[in-house]
């Protein structure tokens, strides 16, 4: 199986079987963002406890790239400190721009590495990450 096929399967698995889709009750940080160029809309909710992202959920509508990325991001940041989550978002942004980046502990994120070949889709992939960053900024 070619690497591109494997990556496509990982993306479609997250799209068809999203992790952490839903919403929280109670005290959480909520950020809504949209991508007007394609119509993607995402709401990210973060539970934070003493400087750690203890849990994350998302809701939204959009393409397979934006929703898969949201699913992966919410899985990847759980249990991370705010600094670690912010660094992860920076590394993801570098990957989207084709710039050298650190390896991700959450390996599914590598499946989105090919998106940087399609500049119009980069905003789709980074939408949830930008929302997560804004959520961390709101909490500080």
Protein backbone atom coordinates (compact mmCIF):
# COMPACT_ATOMS: atom_id res chain seq x y z
CA UNK A 1 0.00 0.00 0.00
CA UNK A 2 1.40 3.39 -0.98
CA UNK A 3 1.90 6.03 1.71
CA UNK A 4 -0.58 8.38 -0.01
CA UNK A 5 -3.24 5.66 0.12
CA UNK A 6 -2.58 5.06 3.81
CA UNK A 7 -2.80 8.79 4.55
CA UNK A 8 -6.04 9.05 2.57
CA UNK A 9 -7.49 6.18 4.61
CA UNK A 10 -6.49 7.81 7.90
CA UNK A 11 -8.10 11.11 6.84
CA UNK A 12 -11.30 9.39 5.71
CA UNK A 13 -11.45 7.33 8.92
CA UNK A 14 -11.36 10.53 11.02
CA UNK A 15 -13.95 12.11 8.72
CA UNK A 16 -16.38 9.18 8.83
CA UNK A 17 -15.68 8.26 12.48
CA UNK A 18 -14.77 11.55 14.14
CA UNK A 19 -13.19 11.42 17.56
CA UNK A 20 -14.44 13.85 20.20
CA UNK A 21 -17.38 15.19 18.22
CA UNK A 22 -19.94 16.83 20.48
CA UNK A 23 -20.09 19.47 23.16
CA UNK A 24 -19.54 19.88 26.88
CA UNK A 25 -21.88 21.17 29.54
CA UNK A 26 -20.53 23.54 32.12
CA UNK A 27 -17.39 25.60 32.28
CA UNK A 28 -15.35 25.34 29.08
CA UNK A 29 -13.59 27.62 26.63
CA UNK A 30 -15.53 27.80 23.35
CA UNK A 31 -14.27 29.24 20.06
CA UNK A 32 -16.24 29.44 16.80
CA UNK A 33 -14.37 29.98 13.53
CA UNK A 34 -15.29 29.73 9.88
CA UNK A 35 -13.50 29.68 6.58
CA UNK A 36 -15.51 31.99 4.32
CA UNK A 37 -13.63 30.88 1.21
CA UNK A 38 -15.07 27.35 1.40
CA UNK A 39 -17.82 27.45 4.02
CA UNK A 40 -16.16 25.30 6.71
CA UNK A 41 -17.45 26.12 10.21
CA UNK A 42 -16.00 24.75 13.43
CA UNK A 43 -16.66 25.12 17.15
CA UNK A 44 -13.92 23.95 19.48
CA UNK A 45 -14.47 23.45 23.19
CA UNK A 46 -11.60 22.99 25.60
CA UNK A 47 -11.70 21.89 29.22
CA UNK A 48 -8.68 23.22 31.02
CA UNK A 49 -7.43 22.34 34.46
CA UNK A 50 -4.34 23.93 36.01
CA UNK A 51 -2.63 24.72 32.71
CA UNK A 52 -3.54 21.45 30.99
CA UNK A 53 -6.03 20.71 28.22
CA UNK A 54 -7.89 17.97 30.06
CA UNK A 55 -10.43 17.38 27.28
CA UNK A 56 -11.45 18.75 23.88
CA UNK A 57 -14.49 18.45 21.63
CA UNK A 58 -15.60 19.89 18.33
CA UNK A 59 -18.69 20.42 16.25
CA UNK A 60 -18.91 21.75 12.75
CA UNK A 61 -19.62 21.37 9.11
CA UNK A 62 -17.13 21.23 6.31
CA UNK A 63 -14.92 19.20 4.07
CA UNK A 64 -13.14 15.99 4.97
CA UNK A 65 -9.88 17.87 5.56
CA UNK A 66 -11.28 20.37 8.08
CA UNK A 67 -13.32 17.83 10.04
CA UNK A 68 -10.55 15.20 10.02
CA UNK A 69 -8.10 17.80 11.24
CA UNK A 70 -10.48 18.79 14.06
CA UNK A 71 -10.86 15.14 15.05
CA UNK A 72 -7.09 14.64 15.09
CA UNK A 73 -6.41 17.91 16.92
CA UNK A 74 -8.87 17.16 19.72
CA UNK A 75 -7.26 13.76 20.24
CA UNK A 76 -3.71 15.11 20.05
CA UNK A 77 -4.03 17.95 22.59
CA UNK A 78 -5.72 16.02 25.40
CA UNK A 79 -3.48 15.91 28.43
CA UNK A 80 -1.05 18.44 26.99
CA UNK A 81 0.00 21.59 28.79
CA UNK A 82 -1.11 24.84 27.19
CA UNK A 83 2.48 25.38 26.05
CA UNK A 84 2.71 21.91 24.51
CA UNK A 85 -0.63 22.36 22.72
CA UNK A 86 0.47 25.76 21.38
CA UNK A 87 3.78 24.30 20.18
CA UNK A 88 1.89 21.46 18.51
CA UNK A 89 -0.25 24.04 16.68
CA UNK A 90 2.89 25.88 15.56
CA UNK A 91 4.43 22.62 14.30
CA UNK A 92 1.20 21.79 12.47
CA UNK A 93 1.23 25.23 10.84
CA UNK A 94 4.84 24.67 9.74
CA UNK A 95 3.87 21.31 8.25
CA UNK A 96 1.04 23.00 6.32
CA UNK A 97 3.49 25.55 4.91
CA UNK A 98 5.96 22.82 3.93
CA UNK A 99 8.49 24.00 6.51
CA UNK A 100 10.45 21.51 8.56
CA UNK A 101 8.54 20.57 11.70
CA UNK A 102 8.92 18.33 14.72
CA UNK A 103 7.48 14.84 14.61
CA UNK A 104 4.10 14.45 16.23
CA UNK A 105 3.45 11.98 19.04
CA UNK A 106 -0.02 11.59 17.58
CA UNK A 107 1.03 10.03 14.28
CA UNK A 108 -2.31 10.46 12.48
CA UNK A 109 -1.43 14.14 12.03
CA UNK A 110 1.23 13.18 9.49
CA UNK A 111 -1.61 12.04 7.21
CA UNK A 112 -2.41 15.72 6.62
CA UNK A 113 1.14 16.54 5.48
CA UNK A 114 0.18 16.30 1.80
CA UNK A 115 -2.33 19.14 2.17
CA UNK A 116 0.51 21.65 1.75
CA UNK A 117 0.52 20.77 -1.97
CA UNK A 118 -2.97 22.31 -2.23
CA UNK A 119 -2.78 25.91 -0.97
CA UNK A 120 -6.56 26.38 -1.02
CA UNK A 121 -6.96 23.46 1.41
CA UNK A 122 -4.43 24.68 3.99
CA UNK A 123 -7.05 26.94 5.58
CA UNK A 124 -9.33 23.91 5.88
CA UNK A 125 -6.67 21.91 7.72
CA UNK A 126 -5.63 24.74 10.05
CA UNK A 127 -9.13 25.96 11.01
CA UNK A 128 -9.49 23.77 14.13
CA UNK A 129 -5.89 24.45 15.17
CA UNK A 130 -6.43 28.20 14.92
CA UNK A 131 -9.57 27.85 17.03
CA UNK A 132 -7.67 25.84 19.63
CA UNK A 133 -4.94 28.50 19.78
CA UNK A 134 -7.57 31.23 20.25
CA UNK A 135 -9.11 29.14 23.03
CA UNK A 136 -5.80 28.93 24.84
CA UNK A 137 -5.30 32.69 24.43
CA UNK A 138 -8.80 33.28 25.87
CA UNK A 139 -8.01 31.15 28.91
CA UNK A 140 -4.81 32.94 29.85
